[in-house]
Amino acid sequence: MTRSDCDSGATVRIFTELLVSGMAVDFSITLLQRLLLEFQRLLRRLIWEVGPEEVGGISQFREHGNDMV
């Protein structure tokens, strides 16, 4: 095996590792996007069902006479 064969083999191996790790990063980003979208959907549903004044403790301030809105 010549030096050029070793170099091209190393290049292919490095390229393959980068490709696989890039795919893993893409998958992680896609998964994170899906999780964030699901969280956003659930938060909107909570706000819709409970009411915006109940989310974030705003109603607690109103009950004590401190109108924060």
PDB file of N, CA and C in Angstrom:
ATOM      1  N   MET A   1       0.847  -1.171   0.000  1.00  0.00           N
ATOM      2  CA  MET A   1       0.000   0.000   0.000  1.00  0.00           C
ATOM      3  C   MET A   1       0.895   1.237   0.000  1.00  0.00           C
ATOM      4  N   THR A   2       0.584   2.150  -0.889  1.00  0.00           N
ATOM      5  CA  THR A   2       1.397   3.362  -1.004  1.00  0.00           C
ATOM      6  C   THR A   2       0.852   4.457  -0.084  1.00  0.00           C
ATOM      7  N   ARG A   3       1.631   5.503   0.025  1.00  0.00           N
ATOM      8  CA  ARG A   3       1.219   6.621   0.877  1.00  0.00           C
ATOM      9  C   ARG A   3      -0.073   7.254   0.361  1.00  0.00           C
ATOM     10  N   SER A   4      -0.220   7.356  -0.944  1.00  0.00           N
ATOM     11  CA  SER A   4      -1.437   7.970  -1.503  1.00  0.00           C
ATOM     12  C   SER A   4      -2.671   7.117  -1.201  1.00  0.00           C
ATOM     13  N   ASP A   5      -2.497   5.777  -1.194  1.00  0.00           N
ATOM     14  CA  ASP A   5      -3.619   4.910  -0.822  1.00  0.00           C
ATOM     15  C   ASP A   5      -4.032   5.149   0.623  1.00  0.00           C
ATOM     16  N   CYS A   6      -3.048   5.290   1.508  1.00  0.00           N
ATOM     17  CA  CYS A   6      -3.346   5.556   2.919  1.00  0.00           C
ATOM     18  C   CYS A   6      -4.015   6.914   3.082  1.00  0.00           C
ATOM     19  N   ASP A   7      -3.510   7.907   2.349  1.00  0.00           N
ATOM     20  CA  ASP A   7      -4.092   9.245   2.436  1.00  0.00           C
ATOM     21  C   ASP A   7      -5.529   9.256   1.931  1.00  0.00           C
ATOM     22  N   SER A   8      -5.791   8.577   0.820  1.00  0.00           N
ATOM     23  CA  SER A   8      -7.150   8.582   0.282  1.00  0.00           C
ATOM     24  C   SER A   8      -8.079   7.785   1.196  1.00  0.00           C
ATOM     25  N   GLY A   9      -7.576   6.725   1.800  1.00  0.00           N
ATOM     26  CA  GLY A   9      -8.386   5.958   2.754  1.00  0.00           C
ATOM     27  C   GLY A   9      -8.734   6.790   3.979  1.00  0.00           C
ATOM     28  N   ALA A  10      -7.744   7.544   4.465  1.00  0.00           N
ATOM     29  CA  ALA A  10      -7.988   8.417   5.615  1.00  0.00           C
ATOM     30  C   ALA A  10      -8.975   9.517   5.251  1.00  0.00           C
ATOM     31  N   THR A  11      -8.838  10.038   4.044  1.00  0.00           N
ATOM     32  CA  THR A  11      -9.748  11.100   3.591  1.00  0.00           C
ATOM     33  C   THR A  11     -11.177  10.576   3.518  1.00  0.00           C
ATOM     34  N   VAL A  12     -11.348   9.383   2.971  1.00  0.00           N
ATOM     35  CA  VAL A  12     -12.674   8.783   2.870  1.00  0.00           C
ATOM     36  C   VAL A  12     -13.238   8.533   4.261  1.00  0.00           C
ATOM     37  N   ARG A  13     -12.411   8.031   5.173  1.00  0.00           N
ATOM     38  CA  ARG A  13     -12.862   7.753   6.540  1.00  0.00           C
ATOM     39  C   ARG A  13     -13.284   9.052   7.245  1.00  0.00           C
ATOM     40  N   ILE A  14     -12.461  10.092   7.092  1.00  0.00           N
ATOM     41  CA  ILE A  14     -12.787  11.379   7.714  1.00  0.00           C
ATOM     42  C   ILE A  14     -14.074  11.949   7.113  1.00  0.00           C
ATOM     43  N   PHE A  15     -14.184  11.882   5.784  1.00  0.00           N
ATOM     44  CA  PHE A  15     -15.384  12.376   5.130  1.00  0.00           C
ATOM     45  C   PHE A  15     -16.617  11.612   5.614  1.00  0.00           C
ATOM     46  N   THR A  16     -16.496  10.293   5.729  1.00  0.00           N
ATOM     47  CA  THR A  16     -17.612   9.463   6.198  1.00  0.00           C
ATOM     48  C   THR A  16     -17.994   9.836   7.622  1.00  0.00           C
ATOM     49  N   GLU A  17     -16.992  10.025   8.487  1.00  0.00           N
ATOM     50  CA  GLU A  17     -17.277  10.406   9.875  1.00  0.00           C
ATOM     51  C   GLU A  17     -17.957  11.772   9.935  1.00  0.00           C
ATOM     52  N   LEU A  18     -17.488  12.717   9.118  1.00  0.00           N
ATOM     53  CA  LEU A  18     -18.118  14.032   9.086  1.00  0.00           C
ATOM     54  C   LEU A  18     -19.547  13.950   8.565  1.00  0.00           C
ATOM     55  N   LEU A  19     -19.755  13.128   7.550  1.00  0.00           N
ATOM     56  CA  LEU A  19     -21.091  12.964   6.995  1.00  0.00           C
ATOM     57  C   LEU A  19     -22.033  12.375   8.041  1.00  0.00           C
ATOM     58  N   VAL A  20     -21.595  11.343   8.728  1.00  0.00           N
ATOM     59  CA  VAL A  20     -22.422  10.699   9.751  1.00  0.00           C
ATOM     60  C   VAL A  20     -22.686  11.664  10.901  1.00  0.00           C
ATOM     61  N   SER A  21     -21.651  12.375  11.360  1.00  0.00           N
ATOM     62  CA  SER A  21     -21.864  13.313  12.461  1.00  0.00           C
ATOM     63  C   SER A  21     -22.752  14.470  12.015  1.00  0.00           C
ATOM     64  N   GLY A  22     -22.622  14.889  10.765  1.00  0.00           N
ATOM     65  CA  GLY A  22     -23.510  15.923  10.233  1.00  0.00           C
ATOM     66  C   GLY A  22     -24.945  15.465  10.187  1.00  0.00           C
ATOM     67  N   MET A  23     -25.150  14.211   9.827  1.00  0.00           N
ATOM     68  CA  MET A  23     -26.494  13.658   9.819  1.00  0.00           C
ATOM     69  C   MET A  23     -27.037  13.594  11.235  1.00  0.00           C
ATOM     70  N   ALA A  24     -26.184  13.266  12.196  1.00  0.00           N
ATOM     71  CA  ALA A  24     -26.607  13.220  13.591  1.00  0.00           C
ATOM     72  C   ALA A  24     -26.992  14.616  14.077  1.00  0.00           C
ATOM     73  N   VAL A  25     -26.232  15.616  13.660  1.00  0.00           N
ATOM     74  CA  VAL A  25     -26.550  16.995  14.039  1.00  0.00           C
ATOM     75  C   VAL A  25     -27.879  17.406  13.411  1.00  0.00           C
ATOM     76  N   ASP A  26     -28.066  17.089  12.132  1.00  0.00           N
ATOM     77  CA  ASP A  26     -29.337  17.405  11.467  1.00  0.00           C
ATOM     78  C   ASP A  26     -30.498  16.725  12.170  1.00  0.00           C
ATOM     79  N   PHE A  27     -30.319  15.460  12.546  1.00  0.00           N
ATOM     80  CA  PHE A  27     -31.368  14.732  13.249  1.00  0.00           C
ATOM     81  C   PHE A  27     -31.653  15.387  14.591  1.00  0.00           C
ATOM     82  N   SER A  28     -30.595  15.794  15.316  1.00  0.00           N
ATOM     83  CA  SER A  28     -30.773  16.436  16.614  1.00  0.00           C
ATOM     84  C   SER A  28     -31.512  17.758  16.473  1.00  0.00           C
ATOM     85  N   ILE A  29     -31.158  18.528  15.453  1.00  0.00           N
ATOM     86  CA  ILE A  29     -31.836  19.809  15.228  1.00  0.00           C
ATOM     87  C   ILE A  29     -33.297  19.575  14.880  1.00  0.00           C
ATOM     88  N   THR A  30     -33.557  18.599  14.035  1.00  0.00           N
ATOM     89  CA  THR A  30     -34.932  18.278  13.661  1.00  0.00           C
ATOM     90  C   THR A  30     -35.726  17.838  14.881  1.00  0.00           C
ATOM     91  N   LEU A  31     -35.137  16.994  15.701  1.00  0.00           N
ATOM     92  CA  LEU A  31     -35.812  16.533  16.908  1.00  0.00           C
ATOM     93  C   LEU A  31     -36.076  17.703  17.850  1.00  0.00           C
ATOM     94  N   LEU A  32     -35.113  18.580  18.014  1.00  0.00           N
ATOM     95  CA  LEU A  32     -35.277  19.745  18.873  1.00  0.00           C
ATOM     96  C   LEU A  32     -36.385  20.659  18.338  1.00  0.00           C
ATOM     97  N   GLN A  33     -36.426  20.847  17.028  1.00  0.00           N
ATOM     98  CA  GLN A  33     -37.487  21.668  16.431  1.00  0.00           C
ATOM     99  C   GLN A  33     -38.854  21.060  16.706  1.00  0.00           C
ATOM    100  N   ARG A  34     -38.961  19.750  16.568  1.00  0.00           N
ATOM    101  CA  ARG A  34     -40.246  19.086  16.819  1.00  0.00           C
ATOM    102  C   ARG A  34     -40.648  19.224  18.281  1.00  0.00           C
ATOM    103  N   LEU A  35     -39.684  19.079  19.187  1.00  0.00           N
ATOM    104  CA  LEU A  35     -39.986  19.227  20.610  1.00  0.00           C
ATOM    105  C   LEU A  35     -40.429  20.654  20.934  1.00  0.00           C
ATOM    106  N   LEU A  36     -39.764  21.637  20.353  1.00  0.00           N
ATOM    107  CA  LEU A  36     -40.149  23.030  20.590  1.00  0.00           C
ATOM    108  C   LEU A  36     -41.535  23.325  20.025  1.00  0.00           C
ATOM    109  N   LEU A  37     -41.833  22.796  18.852  1.00  0.00           N
ATOM    110  CA  LEU A  37     -43.163  22.996  18.278  1.00  0.00           C
ATOM    111  C   LEU A  37     -44.242  22.340  19.132  1.00  0.00           C
ATOM    112  N   GLU A  38     -43.948  21.156  19.653  1.00  0.00           N
ATOM    113  CA  GLU A  38     -44.907  20.470  20.520  1.00  0.00           C
ATOM    114  C   GLU A  38     -45.107  21.260  21.818  1.00  0.00           C
ATOM    115  N   PHE A  39     -44.025  21.775  22.395  1.00  0.00           N
ATOM    116  CA  PHE A  39     -44.123  22.577  23.604  1.00  0.00           C
ATOM    117  C   PHE A  39     -44.947  23.839  23.329  1.00  0.00           C
ATOM    118  N   GLN A  40     -44.706  24.478  22.197  1.00  0.00           N
ATOM    119  CA  GLN A  40     -45.461  25.679  21.831  1.00  0.00           C
ATOM    120  C   GLN A  40     -46.943  25.360  21.681  1.00  0.00           C
ATOM    121  N   ARG A  41     -47.239  24.224  21.060  1.00  0.00           N
ATOM    122  CA  ARG A  41     -48.637  23.817  20.878  1.00  0.00           C
ATOM    123  C   ARG A  41     -49.309  23.571  22.221  1.00  0.00           C
ATOM    124  N   LEU A  42     -48.600  22.890  23.119  1.00  0.00           N
ATOM    125  CA  LEU A  42     -49.160  22.617  24.443  1.00  0.00           C
ATOM    126  C   LEU A  42     -49.345  23.899  25.252  1.00  0.00           C
ATOM    127  N   LEU A  43     -48.401  24.814  25.139  1.00  0.00           N
ATOM    128  CA  LEU A  43     -48.518  26.091  25.838  1.00  0.00           C
ATOM    129  C   LEU A  43     -49.706  26.891  25.329  1.00  0.00           C
ATOM    130  N   ARG A  44     -49.894  26.928  24.011  1.00  0.00           N
ATOM    131  CA  ARG A  44     -51.058  27.624  23.443  1.00  0.00           C
ATOM    132  C   ARG A  44     -52.354  26.983  23.919  1.00  0.00           C
ATOM    133  N   ARG A  45     -52.366  25.664  23.975  1.00  0.00           N
ATOM    134  CA  ARG A  45     -53.559  24.952  24.437  1.00  0.00           C
ATOM    135  C   ARG A  45     -53.838  25.280  25.899  1.00  0.00           C
ATOM    136  N   LEU A  46     -52.799  25.327  26.709  1.00  0.00           N
ATOM    137  CA  LEU A  46     -52.953  25.687  28.122  1.00  0.00           C
ATOM    138  C   LEU A  46     -53.512  27.098  28.257  1.00  0.00           C
ATOM    139  N   ILE A  47     -52.952  28.027  27.510  1.00  0.00           N
ATOM    140  CA  ILE A  47     -53.431  29.413  27.571  1.00  0.00           C
ATOM    141  C   ILE A  47     -54.880  29.493  27.113  1.00  0.00           C
ATOM    142  N   TRP A  48     -55.225  28.748  26.077  1.00  0.00           N
ATOM    143  CA  TRP A  48     -56.592  28.760  25.557  1.00  0.00           C
ATOM    144  C   TRP A  48     -57.571  28.194  26.571  1.00  0.00           C
ATOM    145  N   GLU A  49     -57.211  27.072  27.224  1.00  0.00           N
ATOM    146  CA  GLU A  49     -58.112  26.407  28.151  1.00  0.00           C
ATOM    147  C   GLU A  49     -58.202  27.132  29.489  1.00  0.00           C
ATOM    148  N   VAL A  50     -57.076  27.605  29.986  1.00  0.00           N
ATOM    149  CA  VAL A  50     -57.042  28.201  31.317  1.00  0.00           C
ATOM    150  C   VAL A  50     -57.357  29.688  31.263  1.00  0.00           C
ATOM    151  N   GLY A  51     -56.904  30.333  30.228  1.00  0.00           N
ATOM    152  CA  GLY A  51     -57.088  31.770  30.097  1.00  0.00           C
ATOM    153  C   GLY A  51     -55.769  32.475  30.321  1.00  0.00           C
ATOM    154  N   PRO A  52     -55.501  33.510  29.549  1.00  0.00           N
ATOM    155  CA  PRO A  52     -54.202  34.174  29.633  1.00  0.00           C
ATOM    156  C   PRO A  52     -53.927  34.797  30.994  1.00  0.00           C
ATOM    157  N   GLU A  53     -54.982  35.222  31.707  1.00  0.00           N
ATOM    158  CA  GLU A  53     -54.702  35.849  32.992  1.00  0.00           C
ATOM    159  C   GLU A  53     -54.298  34.848  34.073  1.00  0.00           C
ATOM    160  N   GLU A  54     -54.551  33.568  33.858  1.00  0.00           N
ATOM    161  CA  GLU A  54     -54.158  32.548  34.831  1.00  0.00           C
ATOM    162  C   GLU A  54     -52.739  32.039  34.598  1.00  0.00           C
ATOM    163  N   VAL A  55     -52.188  32.285  33.422  1.00  0.00           N
ATOM    164  CA  VAL A  55     -50.861  31.787  33.083  1.00  0.00           C
ATOM    165  C   VAL A  55     -49.821  32.789  33.553  1.00  0.00           C
ATOM    166  N   GLY A  56     -48.815  32.316  34.242  1.00  0.00           N
ATOM    167  CA  GLY A  56     -47.720  33.172  34.676  1.00  0.00           C
ATOM    168  C   GLY A  56     -47.962  33.887  35.981  1.00  0.00           C
ATOM    169  N   GLY A  57     -49.014  33.520  36.699  1.00  0.00           N
ATOM    170  CA  GLY A  57     -49.242  34.104  38.010  1.00  0.00           C
ATOM    171  C   GLY A  57     -49.815  35.507  37.994  1.00  0.00           C
ATOM    172  N   ILE A  58     -50.305  35.974  36.843  1.00  0.00           N
ATOM    173  CA  ILE A  58     -50.852  37.324  36.760  1.00  0.00           C
ATOM    174  C   ILE A  58     -52.087  37.435  37.641  1.00  0.00           C
ATOM    175  N   SER A  59     -52.885  36.359  37.697  1.00  0.00           N
ATOM    176  CA  SER A  59     -54.107  36.415  38.495  1.00  0.00           C
ATOM    177  C   SER A  59     -53.795  36.588  39.978  1.00  0.00           C
ATOM    178  N   GLN A  60     -52.646  36.093  40.430  1.00  0.00           N
ATOM    179  CA  GLN A  60     -52.274  36.243  41.839  1.00  0.00           C
ATOM    180  C   GLN A  60     -52.092  37.713  42.184  1.00  0.00           C
ATOM    181  N   PHE A  61     -51.499  38.483  41.264  1.00  0.00           N
ATOM    182  CA  PHE A  61     -51.323  39.906  41.511  1.00  0.00           C
ATOM    183  C   PHE A  61     -52.677  40.614  41.537  1.00  0.00           C
ATOM    184  N   ARG A  62     -53.568  40.232  40.665  1.00  0.00           N
ATOM    185  CA  ARG A  62     -54.885  40.855  40.611  1.00  0.00           C
ATOM    186  C   ARG A  62     -55.671  40.548  41.878  1.00  0.00           C
ATOM    187  N   GLU A  63     -55.535  39.334  42.406  1.00  0.00           N
ATOM    188  CA  GLU A  63     -56.258  38.967  43.622  1.00  0.00           C
ATOM    189  C   GLU A  63     -55.817  39.823  44.796  1.00  0.00           C
ATOM    190  N   HIS A  64     -54.576  40.257  44.811  1.00  0.00           N
ATOM    191  CA  HIS A  64     -54.052  41.054  45.916  1.00  0.00           C
ATOM    192  C   HIS A  64     -54.177  42.550  45.657  1.00  0.00           C
ATOM    193  N   GLY A  65     -54.826  42.914  44.559  1.00  0.00           N
ATOM    194  CA  GLY A  65     -55.037  44.314  44.278  1.00  0.00           C
ATOM    195  C   GLY A  65     -53.909  44.982  43.508  1.00  0.00           C
ATOM    196  N   ASN A  66     -52.907  44.267  43.133  1.00  0.00           N
ATOM    197  CA  ASN A  66     -51.805  44.834  42.352  1.00  0.00           C
ATOM    198  C   ASN A  66     -52.031  44.503  40.894  1.00  0.00           C
ATOM    199  N   ASP A  67     -52.577  45.403  40.148  1.00  0.00           N
ATOM    200  CA  ASP A  67     -52.863  45.155  38.736  1.00  0.00           C
ATOM    201  C   ASP A  67     -51.580  45.319  37.932  1.00  0.00           C
ATOM    202  N   MET A  68     -51.003  44.204  37.501  1.00  0.00           N
ATOM    203  CA  MET A  68     -49.718  44.218  36.800  1.00  0.00           C
ATOM    204  C   MET A  68     -49.897  44.367  35.293  1.00  0.00           C
ATOM    205  N   VAL A  69     -51.102  44.270  34.792  1.00  0.00           N
ATOM    206  CA  VAL A  69     -51.309  44.303  33.347  1.00  0.00           C
ATOM    207  C   VAL A  69     -51.672  45.690  32.893  1.00  0.00           C
TER     208      VAL A  69
END
